Amino acid sequence: MLTTTAGVLTVSTLSLLSMRKAALHYGFVDSPCNRKRHSGEIPLVGGASLFVSVVFICLTQPMLVPMSYDYLIGGRF
């Protein structure tokens, strides 16, 4: 279980860092305006990074997530 947790943490961190660089390079960012409080461009890749982590755990440890393959293909047929 500890190995699985370490693997998910590693995949999550690496995907977030690599997607962040790509988002900044390609302009996939939230820019501040008069109604926002942040002062810089914020990359919009948190959800995509979380998705990569969930796919990783579903593929490597399918016993931990009930019906994991159903989640990956979008439901039951």
PDB file of N, CA and C in Angstrom:
ATOM      1  N   MET A   1       0.822  -1.196   0.000  1.00  0.00           N
ATOM      2  CA  MET A   1       0.000   0.000   0.000  1.00  0.00           C
ATOM      3  C   MET A   1       0.865   1.260   0.000  1.00  0.00           C
ATOM      4  N   LEU A   2       1.979   1.213   0.730  1.00  0.00           N
ATOM      5  CA  LEU A   2       2.877   2.367   0.774  1.00  0.00           C
ATOM      6  C   LEU A   2       3.514   2.609  -0.588  1.00  0.00           C
ATOM      7  N   THR A   3       3.835   1.531  -1.290  1.00  0.00           N
ATOM      8  CA  THR A   3       4.406   1.659  -2.630  1.00  0.00           C
ATOM      9  C   THR A   3       3.400   2.292  -3.583  1.00  0.00           C
ATOM     10  N   THR A   4       2.148   1.901  -3.485  1.00  0.00           N
ATOM     11  CA  THR A   4       1.095   2.472  -4.328  1.00  0.00           C
ATOM     12  C   THR A   4       0.930   3.964  -4.047  1.00  0.00           C
ATOM     13  N   THR A   5       0.929   4.319  -2.786  1.00  0.00           N
ATOM     14  CA  THR A   5       0.787   5.726  -2.407  1.00  0.00           C
ATOM     15  C   THR A   5       1.959   6.542  -2.932  1.00  0.00           C
ATOM     16  N   ALA A   6       3.160   6.009  -2.799  1.00  0.00           N
ATOM     17  CA  ALA A   6       4.345   6.708  -3.301  1.00  0.00           C
ATOM     18  C   ALA A   6       4.293   6.843  -4.824  1.00  0.00           C
ATOM     19  N   GLY A   7       3.824   5.805  -5.499  1.00  0.00           N
ATOM     20  CA  GLY A   7       3.713   5.859  -6.953  1.00  0.00           C
ATOM     21  C   GLY A   7       2.710   6.899  -7.421  1.00  0.00           C
ATOM     22  N   VAL A   8       1.558   6.943  -6.763  1.00  0.00           N
ATOM     23  CA  VAL A   8       0.533   7.925  -7.132  1.00  0.00           C
ATOM     24  C   VAL A   8       1.036   9.342  -6.846  1.00  0.00           C
ATOM     25  N   LEU A   9       1.693   9.528  -5.717  1.00  0.00           N
ATOM     26  CA  LEU A   9       2.245  10.839  -5.382  1.00  0.00           C
ATOM     27  C   LEU A   9       3.282  11.275  -6.407  1.00  0.00           C
ATOM     28  N   THR A  10       4.124  10.351  -6.818  1.00  0.00           N
ATOM     29  CA  THR A  10       5.142  10.664  -7.821  1.00  0.00           C
ATOM     30  C   THR A  10       4.512  11.011  -9.166  1.00  0.00           C
ATOM     31  N   VAL A  11       3.569  10.199  -9.612  1.00  0.00           N
ATOM     32  CA  VAL A  11       2.902  10.464 -10.893  1.00  0.00           C
ATOM     33  C   VAL A  11       2.155  11.789 -10.838  1.00  0.00           C
ATOM     34  N   SER A  12       1.478  12.043  -9.747  1.00  0.00           N
ATOM     35  CA  SER A  12       0.725  13.283  -9.595  1.00  0.00           C
ATOM     36  C   SER A  12       1.647  14.502  -9.638  1.00  0.00           C
ATOM     37  N   THR A  13       2.742  14.432  -8.907  1.00  0.00           N
ATOM     38  CA  THR A  13       3.680  15.558  -8.866  1.00  0.00           C
ATOM     39  C   THR A  13       4.332  15.788 -10.224  1.00  0.00           C
ATOM     40  N   LEU A  14       4.792  14.723 -10.847  1.00  0.00           N
ATOM     41  CA  LEU A  14       5.451  14.864 -12.150  1.00  0.00           C
ATOM     42  C   LEU A  14       4.487  15.353 -13.224  1.00  0.00           C
ATOM     43  N   SER A  15       3.264  14.851 -13.214  1.00  0.00           N
ATOM     44  CA  SER A  15       2.312  15.305 -14.226  1.00  0.00           C
ATOM     45  C   SER A  15       1.938  16.776 -13.995  1.00  0.00           C
ATOM     46  N   LEU A  16       1.794  17.162 -12.740  1.00  0.00           N
ATOM     47  CA  LEU A  16       1.463  18.554 -12.450  1.00  0.00           C
ATOM     48  C   LEU A  16       2.588  19.493 -12.877  1.00  0.00           C
ATOM     49  N   LEU A  17       3.819  19.130 -12.569  1.00  0.00           N
ATOM     50  CA  LEU A  17       4.949  19.994 -12.938  1.00  0.00           C
ATOM     51  C   LEU A  17       5.140  20.080 -14.447  1.00  0.00           C
ATOM     52  N   SER A  18       5.016  18.948 -15.138  1.00  0.00           N
ATOM     53  CA  SER A  18       5.207  18.980 -16.595  1.00  0.00           C
ATOM     54  C   SER A  18       4.056  19.697 -17.293  1.00  0.00           C
ATOM     55  N   MET A  19       2.819  19.471 -16.818  1.00  0.00           N
ATOM     56  CA  MET A  19       1.674  20.161 -17.422  1.00  0.00           C
ATOM     57  C   MET A  19       1.704  21.651 -17.120  1.00  0.00           C
ATOM     58  N   ARG A  20       2.225  22.024 -15.978  1.00  0.00           N
ATOM     59  CA  ARG A  20       2.321  23.445 -15.615  1.00  0.00           C
ATOM     60  C   ARG A  20       3.242  24.170 -16.588  1.00  0.00           C
ATOM     61  N   LYS A  21       4.392  23.559 -16.881  1.00  0.00           N
ATOM     62  CA  LYS A  21       5.318  24.176 -17.834  1.00  0.00           C
ATOM     63  C   LYS A  21       4.683  24.299 -19.218  1.00  0.00           C
ATOM     64  N   ALA A  22       3.997  23.256 -19.639  1.00  0.00           N
ATOM     65  CA  ALA A  22       3.337  23.287 -20.950  1.00  0.00           C
ATOM     66  C   ALA A  22       2.231  24.339 -20.975  1.00  0.00           C
ATOM     67  N   ALA A  23       1.468  24.450 -19.885  1.00  0.00           N
ATOM     68  CA  ALA A  23       0.384  25.439 -19.831  1.00  0.00           C
ATOM     69  C   ALA A  23       0.933  26.852 -19.901  1.00  0.00           C
ATOM     70  N   LEU A  24       2.013  27.114 -19.207  1.00  0.00           N
ATOM     71  CA  LEU A  24       2.621  28.446 -19.273  1.00  0.00           C
ATOM     72  C   LEU A  24       3.166  28.729 -20.677  1.00  0.00           C
ATOM     73  N   HIS A  25       3.749  27.714 -21.304  1.00  0.00           N
ATOM     74  CA  HIS A  25       4.310  27.895 -22.643  1.00  0.00           C
ATOM     75  C   HIS A  25       3.231  28.163 -23.696  1.00  0.00           C
ATOM     76  N   TYR A  26       2.124  27.427 -23.617  1.00  0.00           N
ATOM     77  CA  TYR A  26       1.060  27.550 -24.609  1.00  0.00           C
ATOM     78  C   TYR A  26      -0.029  28.553 -24.236  1.00  0.00           C
ATOM     79  N   GLY A  27       0.084  29.180 -23.085  1.00  0.00           N
ATOM     80  CA  GLY A  27      -0.868  30.213 -22.702  1.00  0.00           C
ATOM     81  C   GLY A  27      -2.175  29.696 -22.133  1.00  0.00           C
ATOM     82  N   PHE A  28      -2.186  28.478 -21.616  1.00  0.00           N
ATOM     83  CA  PHE A  28      -3.392  27.912 -21.001  1.00  0.00           C
ATOM     84  C   PHE A  28      -3.406  28.317 -19.532  1.00  0.00           C
ATOM     85  N   VAL A  29      -3.643  29.618 -19.311  1.00  0.00           N
ATOM     86  CA  VAL A  29      -3.552  30.198 -17.975  1.00  0.00           C
ATOM     87  C   VAL A  29      -4.750  31.093 -17.703  1.00  0.00           C
ATOM     88  N   ASP A  30      -4.973  31.328 -16.418  1.00  0.00           N
ATOM     89  CA  ASP A  30      -5.998  32.270 -15.986  1.00  0.00           C
ATOM     90  C   ASP A  30      -5.294  33.578 -15.665  1.00  0.00           C
ATOM     91  N   SER A  31      -5.590  34.611 -16.415  1.00  0.00           N
ATOM     92  CA  SER A  31      -4.955  35.912 -16.205  1.00  0.00           C
ATOM     93  C   SER A  31      -5.781  36.756 -15.245  1.00  0.00           C
ATOM     94  N   PRO A  32      -5.108  37.542 -14.424  1.00  0.00           N
ATOM     95  CA  PRO A  32      -5.861  38.376 -13.475  1.00  0.00           C
ATOM     96  C   PRO A  32      -6.619  39.502 -14.180  1.00  0.00           C
ATOM     97  N   CYS A  33      -7.743  39.887 -13.605  1.00  0.00           N
ATOM     98  CA  CYS A  33      -8.514  41.019 -14.081  1.00  0.00           C
ATOM     99  C   CYS A  33      -9.078  41.726 -12.854  1.00  0.00           C
ATOM    100  N   ASN A  34      -9.977  42.663 -13.056  1.00  0.00           N
ATOM    101  CA  ASN A  34     -10.461  43.472 -11.937  1.00  0.00           C
ATOM    102  C   ASN A  34     -11.283  42.682 -10.919  1.00  0.00           C
ATOM    103  N   ARG A  35     -11.843  41.540 -11.270  1.00  0.00           N
ATOM    104  CA  ARG A  35     -12.660  40.792 -10.321  1.00  0.00           C
ATOM    105  C   ARG A  35     -11.929  39.606  -9.696  1.00  0.00           C
ATOM    106  N   LYS A  36     -10.657  39.426  -9.992  1.00  0.00           N
ATOM    107  CA  LYS A  36      -9.878  38.309  -9.450  1.00  0.00           C
ATOM    108  C   LYS A  36      -8.819  38.835  -8.496  1.00  0.00           C
ATOM    109  N   ARG A  37      -8.483  38.031  -7.526  1.00  0.00           N
ATOM    110  CA  ARG A  37      -7.565  38.474  -6.482  1.00  0.00           C
ATOM    111  C   ARG A  37      -6.115  38.095  -6.737  1.00  0.00           C
ATOM    112  N   HIS A  38      -5.861  37.114  -7.623  1.00  0.00           N
ATOM    113  CA  HIS A  38      -4.473  36.701  -7.821  1.00  0.00           C
ATOM    114  C   HIS A  38      -3.726  37.713  -8.673  1.00  0.00           C
ATOM    115  N   SER A  39      -2.401  37.722  -8.514  1.00  0.00           N
ATOM    116  CA  SER A  39      -1.612  38.760  -9.167  1.00  0.00           C
ATOM    117  C   SER A  39      -0.752  38.236 -10.311  1.00  0.00           C
ATOM    118  N   GLY A  40      -0.854  36.986 -10.638  1.00  0.00           N
ATOM    119  CA  GLY A  40      -0.073  36.439 -11.744  1.00  0.00           C
ATOM    120  C   GLY A  40      -0.908  35.479 -12.564  1.00  0.00           C
ATOM    121  N   GLU A  41      -0.288  34.943 -13.599  1.00  0.00           N
ATOM    122  CA  GLU A  41      -0.984  33.976 -14.431  1.00  0.00           C
ATOM    123  C   GLU A  41      -0.959  32.609 -13.740  1.00  0.00           C
ATOM    124  N   ILE A  42      -2.137  32.004 -13.609  1.00  0.00           N
ATOM    125  CA  ILE A  42      -2.281  30.725 -12.933  1.00  0.00           C
ATOM    126  C   ILE A  42      -2.556  29.637 -13.974  1.00  0.00           C
ATOM    127  N   PRO A  43      -1.687  28.611 -14.071  1.00  0.00           N
ATOM    128  CA  PRO A  43      -1.924  27.524 -15.030  1.00  0.00           C
ATOM    129  C   PRO A  43      -3.194  26.746 -14.683  1.00  0.00           C
ATOM    130  N   LEU A  44      -3.934  26.358 -15.698  1.00  0.00           N
ATOM    131  CA  LEU A  44      -5.214  25.663 -15.522  1.00  0.00           C
ATOM    132  C   LEU A  44      -5.061  24.170 -15.807  1.00  0.00           C
ATOM    133  N   VAL A  45      -4.239  23.489 -15.032  1.00  0.00           N
ATOM    134  CA  VAL A  45      -3.967  22.077 -15.304  1.00  0.00           C
ATOM    135  C   VAL A  45      -4.192  21.170 -14.103  1.00  0.00           C
ATOM    136  N   GLY A  46      -4.759  21.663 -13.032  1.00  0.00           N
ATOM    137  CA  GLY A  46      -4.971  20.836 -11.845  1.00  0.00           C
ATOM    138  C   GLY A  46      -5.886  19.654 -12.104  1.00  0.00           C
ATOM    139  N   GLY A  47      -6.969  19.872 -12.806  1.00  0.00           N
ATOM    140  CA  GLY A  47      -7.913  18.797 -13.106  1.00  0.00           C
ATOM    141  C   GLY A  47      -7.319  17.740 -14.015  1.00  0.00           C
ATOM    142  N   ALA A  48      -6.550  18.169 -15.005  1.00  0.00           N
ATOM    143  CA  ALA A  48      -5.914  17.213 -15.915  1.00  0.00           C
ATOM    144  C   ALA A  48      -4.878  16.371 -15.175  1.00  0.00           C
ATOM    145  N   SER A  49      -4.158  16.975 -14.268  1.00  0.00           N
ATOM    146  CA  SER A  49      -3.178  16.244 -13.468  1.00  0.00           C
ATOM    147  C   SER A  49      -3.864  15.235 -12.553  1.00  0.00           C
ATOM    148  N   LEU A  50      -4.972  15.621 -11.969  1.00  0.00           N
ATOM    149  CA  LEU A  50      -5.742  14.703 -11.126  1.00  0.00           C
ATOM    150  C   LEU A  50      -6.275  13.535 -11.956  1.00  0.00           C
ATOM    151  N   PHE A  51      -6.732  13.807 -13.167  1.00  0.00           N
ATOM    152  CA  PHE A  51      -7.221  12.764 -14.062  1.00  0.00           C
ATOM    153  C   PHE A  51      -6.116  11.758 -14.385  1.00  0.00           C
ATOM    154  N   VAL A  52      -4.918  12.247 -14.667  1.00  0.00           N
ATOM    155  CA  VAL A  52      -3.784  11.359 -14.958  1.00  0.00           C
ATOM    156  C   VAL A  52      -3.494  10.470 -13.753  1.00  0.00           C
ATOM    157  N   SER A  53      -3.574  11.022 -12.565  1.00  0.00           N
ATOM    158  CA  SER A  53      -3.331  10.236 -11.348  1.00  0.00           C
ATOM    159  C   SER A  53      -4.397   9.163 -11.148  1.00  0.00           C
ATOM    160  N   VAL A  54      -5.649   9.498 -11.399  1.00  0.00           N
ATOM    161  CA  VAL A  54      -6.733   8.518 -11.253  1.00  0.00           C
ATOM    162  C   VAL A  54      -6.594   7.406 -12.289  1.00  0.00           C
ATOM    163  N   VAL A  55      -6.252   7.744 -13.514  1.00  0.00           N
ATOM    164  CA  VAL A  55      -6.041   6.723 -14.544  1.00  0.00           C
ATOM    165  C   VAL A  55      -4.880   5.828 -14.148  1.00  0.00           C
ATOM    166  N   PHE A  56      -3.819   6.420 -13.616  1.00  0.00           N
ATOM    167  CA  PHE A  56      -2.665   5.632 -13.182  1.00  0.00           C
ATOM    168  C   PHE A  56      -3.060   4.623 -12.109  1.00  0.00           C
ATOM    169  N   ILE A  57      -3.788   5.059 -11.106  1.00  0.00           N
ATOM    170  CA  ILE A  57      -4.177   4.146 -10.033  1.00  0.00           C
ATOM    171  C   ILE A  57      -5.158   3.090 -10.539  1.00  0.00           C
ATOM    172  N   CYS A  58      -6.036   3.441 -11.458  1.00  0.00           N
ATOM    173  CA  CYS A  58      -6.984   2.462 -12.007  1.00  0.00           C
ATOM    174  C   CYS A  58      -6.273   1.402 -12.840  1.00  0.00           C
ATOM    175  N   LEU A  59      -5.219   1.784 -13.534  1.00  0.00           N
ATOM    176  CA  LEU A  59      -4.500   0.827 -14.374  1.00  0.00           C
ATOM    177  C   LEU A  59      -3.514  -0.024 -13.594  1.00  0.00           C
ATOM    178  N   THR A  60      -2.888   0.542 -12.575  1.00  0.00           N
ATOM    179  CA  THR A  60      -1.864  -0.205 -11.843  1.00  0.00           C
ATOM    180  C   THR A  60      -2.414  -0.992 -10.669  1.00  0.00           C
ATOM    181  N   GLN A  61      -3.469  -0.514 -10.038  1.00  0.00           N
ATOM    182  CA  GLN A  61      -4.055  -1.182  -8.873  1.00  0.00           C
ATOM    183  C   GLN A  61      -5.577  -1.254  -9.012  1.00  0.00           C
ATOM    184  N   PRO A  62      -6.080  -2.030  -9.949  1.00  0.00           N
ATOM    185  CA  PRO A  62      -7.534  -2.050 -10.183  1.00  0.00           C
ATOM    186  C   PRO A  62      -8.335  -2.605  -9.006  1.00  0.00           C
ATOM    187  N   MET A  63      -7.700  -3.352  -8.110  1.00  0.00           N
ATOM    188  CA  MET A  63      -8.423  -3.900  -6.957  1.00  0.00           C
ATOM    189  C   MET A  63      -8.785  -2.817  -5.941  1.00  0.00           C
ATOM    190  N   LEU A  64      -8.096  -1.689  -5.958  1.00  0.00           N
ATOM    191  CA  LEU A  64      -8.368  -0.618  -5.004  1.00  0.00           C
ATOM    192  C   LEU A  64      -9.596   0.209  -5.377  1.00  0.00           C
ATOM    193  N   VAL A  65      -9.923   0.234  -6.658  1.00  0.00           N
ATOM    194  CA  VAL A  65     -11.053   1.035  -7.133  1.00  0.00           C
ATOM    195  C   VAL A  65     -12.099   0.085  -7.711  1.00  0.00           C
ATOM    196  N   PRO A  66     -13.256  -0.063  -7.050  1.00  0.00           N
ATOM    197  CA  PRO A  66     -14.291  -0.951  -7.597  1.00  0.00           C
ATOM    198  C   PRO A  66     -14.737  -0.484  -8.981  1.00  0.00           C
ATOM    199  N   MET A  67     -14.873  -1.422  -9.892  1.00  0.00           N
ATOM    200  CA  MET A  67     -15.284  -1.136 -11.281  1.00  0.00           C
ATOM    201  C   MET A  67     -14.372  -0.106 -11.941  1.00  0.00           C
ATOM    202  N   SER A  68     -13.072  -0.213 -11.717  1.00  0.00           N
ATOM    203  CA  SER A  68     -12.134   0.779 -12.247  1.00  0.00           C
ATOM    204  C   SER A  68     -12.134   0.821 -13.773  1.00  0.00           C
ATOM    205  N   TYR A  69     -12.274  -0.321 -14.427  1.00  0.00           N
ATOM    206  CA  TYR A  69     -12.287  -0.313 -15.888  1.00  0.00           C
ATOM    207  C   TYR A  69     -13.546   0.349 -16.431  1.00  0.00           C
ATOM    208  N   ASP A  70     -14.629   0.266 -15.703  1.00  0.00           N
ATOM    209  CA  ASP A  70     -15.843   0.966 -16.110  1.00  0.00           C
ATOM    210  C   ASP A  70     -15.638   2.480 -16.063  1.00  0.00           C
ATOM    211  N   TYR A  71     -14.909   2.950 -15.075  1.00  0.00           N
ATOM    212  CA  TYR A  71     -14.596   4.376 -14.990  1.00  0.00           C
ATOM    213  C   TYR A  71     -13.731   4.820 -16.170  1.00  0.00           C
ATOM    214  N   LEU A  72     -12.799   3.965 -16.556  1.00  0.00           N
ATOM    215  CA  LEU A  72     -11.881   4.318 -17.636  1.00  0.00           C
ATOM    216  C   LEU A  72     -12.563   4.382 -18.992  1.00  0.00           C
ATOM    217  N   ILE A  73     -13.565   3.507 -19.216  1.00  0.00           N
ATOM    218  CA  ILE A  73     -14.226   3.528 -20.530  1.00  0.00           C
ATOM    219  C   ILE A  73     -15.494   4.351 -20.539  1.00  0.00           C
ATOM    220  N   GLY A  74     -15.861   4.899 -19.411  1.00  0.00           N
ATOM    221  CA  GLY A  74     -17.006   5.809 -19.395  1.00  0.00           C
ATOM    222  C   GLY A  74     -18.316   5.192 -18.978  1.00  0.00           C
ATOM    223  N   GLY A  75     -18.313   4.049 -18.350  1.00  0.00           N
ATOM    224  CA  GLY A  75     -19.555   3.440 -17.875  1.00  0.00           C
ATOM    225  C   GLY A  75     -19.716   2.029 -18.343  1.00  0.00           C
ATOM    226  N   ARG A  76     -20.790   1.431 -17.905  1.00  0.00           N
ATOM    227  CA  ARG A  76     -21.064   0.056 -18.289  1.00  0.00           C
ATOM    228  C   ARG A  76     -21.866   0.011 -19.576  1.00  0.00           C
ATOM    229  N   PHE A  77     -21.588  -1.032 -20.344  1.00  0.00           N
ATOM    230  CA  PHE A  77     -22.327  -1.240 -21.590  1.00  0.00           C
ATOM    231  C   PHE A  77     -23.166  -2.463 -21.493  1.00  0.00           C
TER     232      PHE A  77
END
